[in-house]
Protein backbone atom coordinates (compact mmCIF):
# COMPACT_ATOMS: atom_id res chain seq x y z
CA UNK A 1 11.68 -22.17 -41.19
CA UNK A 2 12.53 -24.40 -38.23
CA UNK A 3 14.79 -21.69 -36.81
CA UNK A 4 11.94 -19.17 -36.86
CA UNK A 5 9.63 -21.53 -34.96
CA UNK A 6 12.31 -22.26 -32.35
CA UNK A 7 13.11 -18.56 -32.01
CA UNK A 8 9.41 -17.71 -31.64
CA UNK A 9 8.94 -20.45 -29.05
CA UNK A 10 11.94 -19.25 -27.02
CA UNK A 11 10.68 -15.65 -27.11
CA UNK A 12 7.19 -16.66 -25.95
CA UNK A 13 8.60 -18.86 -23.20
CA UNK A 14 10.91 -16.05 -22.05
CA UNK A 15 8.05 -13.54 -21.88
CA UNK A 16 5.89 -16.00 -19.99
CA UNK A 17 8.61 -16.57 -17.40
CA UNK A 18 9.28 -12.85 -17.04
CA UNK A 19 5.63 -11.98 -16.46
CA UNK A 20 4.94 -14.86 -14.08
CA UNK A 21 8.21 -14.75 -12.14
CA UNK A 22 8.44 -11.02 -11.57
CA UNK A 23 4.87 -10.34 -10.53
CA UNK A 24 4.90 -12.79 -7.62
CA UNK A 25 8.37 -11.77 -6.50
CA UNK A 26 7.58 -8.05 -6.71
CA UNK A 27 4.25 -8.51 -4.94
CA UNK A 28 5.94 -10.35 -2.06
CA UNK A 29 8.65 -7.68 -1.85
CA UNK A 30 6.02 -4.91 -1.79
CA UNK A 31 4.01 -6.73 0.91
CA UNK A 32 7.17 -7.23 2.95
CA UNK A 33 8.03 -3.53 2.84
CA UNK A 34 4.81 -2.63 4.71
CA UNK A 35 5.00 -5.67 7.01
CA UNK A 36 5.28 -4.87 10.72
CA UNK A 37 4.05 -2.29 13.18
CA UNK A 38 3.48 1.30 12.10
CA UNK A 39 2.28 4.38 14.01
CA UNK A 40 -0.05 6.76 12.21
CA UNK A 41 1.46 10.16 13.06
CA UNK A 42 -0.26 12.49 10.61
CA UNK A 43 -3.35 12.78 8.41
CA UNK A 44 -3.67 15.73 6.07
CA UNK A 45 -5.62 16.80 3.02
CA UNK A 46 -9.18 16.00 2.10
CA UNK A 47 -11.74 18.46 0.80
CA UNK A 48 -11.64 20.47 4.05
CA UNK A 49 -7.83 20.60 4.11
CA UNK A 50 -7.34 19.00 7.52
CA UNK A 51 -3.99 18.55 9.23
CA UNK A 52 -4.07 16.30 12.31
CA UNK A 53 -0.98 14.99 14.07
CA UNK A 54 -0.93 12.07 16.51
CA UNK A 55 1.57 10.85 19.09
CA UNK A 56 3.23 7.51 18.38
CA UNK A 57 1.27 4.68 19.97
CA UNK A 58 -2.15 6.34 19.66
CA UNK A 59 -3.03 4.84 16.26
CA UNK A 60 -1.21 1.61 15.45
CA UNK A 61 -1.36 -0.23 12.13
CA UNK A 62 0.04 -3.77 12.31
CA UNK A 63 0.57 -5.42 8.91
CA UNK A 64 0.95 -9.21 8.91
CA UNK A 65 2.33 -10.11 5.47
CA UNK A 66 1.95 -13.87 6.02
CA UNK A 67 -1.76 -13.63 6.81
CA UNK A 68 -2.44 -10.55 4.64
CA UNK A 69 -4.07 -9.00 7.71
CA UNK A 70 -4.01 -5.40 8.90
CA UNK A 71 -4.92 -4.90 12.56
CA UNK A 72 -5.64 -1.32 13.55
CA UNK A 73 -5.79 -0.04 17.11
CA UNK A 74 -7.22 3.47 17.03
CA UNK A 75 -7.21 5.17 20.46
CA UNK A 76 -7.78 8.78 19.37
CA UNK A 77 -9.97 11.22 21.19
CA UNK A 78 -12.90 13.02 19.60
CA UNK A 79 -10.83 16.15 18.79
CA UNK A 80 -9.45 14.88 15.50
CA UNK A 81 -11.47 15.52 12.36
CA UNK A 82 -10.32 12.37 10.54
CA UNK A 83 -8.00 9.67 11.82
CA UNK A 84 -8.20 6.94 9.22
CA UNK A 85 -9.64 3.49 9.73
CA UNK A 86 -11.45 2.40 12.87
CA UNK A 87 -10.11 -0.21 15.29
CA UNK A 88 -10.47 -3.63 13.72
CA UNK A 89 -9.00 -6.37 11.59
CA UNK A 90 -8.88 -5.93 7.82
CA UNK A 91 -7.68 -7.97 4.86
CA UNK A 92 -5.02 -6.17 2.88
CA UNK A 93 -2.93 -6.58 -0.22
CA UNK A 94 -0.35 -4.56 -2.08
CA UNK A 95 -0.89 -4.04 -5.79
CA UNK A 96 2.19 -3.29 -7.83
CA UNK A 97 1.89 -1.73 -11.26
CA UNK A 98 5.11 -0.86 -13.02
CA UNK A 99 7.22 0.97 -10.45
CA UNK A 100 4.37 2.01 -8.11
CA UNK A 101 2.69 0.19 -5.22
CA UNK A 102 -0.85 0.68 -3.94
CA UNK A 103 -2.44 -0.45 -0.67
CA UNK A 104 -5.80 -2.21 -0.84
CA UNK A 105 -7.80 -2.76 2.35
CA UNK A 106 -10.76 -5.13 2.19
CA UNK A 107 -10.43 -4.98 -1.59
CA UNK A 108 -10.70 -1.17 -1.72
CA UNK A 109 -7.77 0.90 -2.90
CA UNK A 110 -6.52 3.17 -0.09
CA UNK A 111 -3.75 4.94 -2.00
CA UNK A 112 -0.23 4.91 -3.31
CA UNK A 113 2.60 3.74 -1.06
CA UNK A 114 5.59 6.05 -0.92
CA UNK A 115 8.73 5.01 0.92
CA UNK A 116 8.89 2.44 3.70
CA UNK A 117 11.80 1.51 5.92
CA UNK A 118 11.11 3.79 8.91
CA UNK A 119 8.59 6.15 7.26
CA UNK A 120 5.74 5.34 4.91
CA UNK A 121 3.27 7.67 3.22
CA UNK A 122 -0.11 6.46 1.94
CA UNK A 123 -1.38 9.04 -0.52
CA UNK A 124 -5.00 8.78 -1.67
CA UNK A 125 -4.21 11.28 -4.42
CA UNK A 126 -2.05 8.63 -6.09
CA UNK A 127 -4.12 5.70 -7.33
CA UNK A 128 -4.35 3.24 -10.18
CA UNK A 129 -6.92 5.42 -11.97
CA UNK A 130 -4.54 8.40 -12.04
CA UNK A 131 -4.11 11.24 -9.60
CA UNK A 132 -6.56 13.21 -7.52
CA UNK A 133 -6.59 16.35 -5.42
CA UNK A 134 -8.95 15.87 -2.47
CA UNK A 135 -7.64 12.62 -0.98
CA UNK A 136 -6.03 12.17 2.40
CA UNK A 137 -2.32 11.66 2.99
CA UNK A 138 -1.40 9.31 5.85
CA UNK A 139 2.11 9.43 7.34
CA UNK A 140 3.17 6.34 9.28
CA UNK A 141 6.41 5.76 11.20
CA UNK A 142 7.90 2.67 12.79
């Protein structure tokens, strides 16, 4: 009887440590993978099926993982149909569920994060509620 209680206690303690330890570590790792300066080079999709490309340096997304701040400098001309978020400072976080990461800006889910390193894709068709078809796909490069 005592062995069962000890075994049960050890199992519960192990699960508690796994759930608490991994979530913080994974969240920090996910935030760190977007950290830094990114250039928005392409926006495609949406209901109208747009496909706009931008030169590096025109639309800059600067992620500050320490302050959870996203600063966007958007210097596009009026010729683009949709170019993402306007110039400004935004709060951001990265939500990780299982093996997928999602970007939240000002508490609103922007989309699934694919890749990182030198190229990152933010896909609004991939979200925590499932998948969609009319979202935008943002391609960012370092």
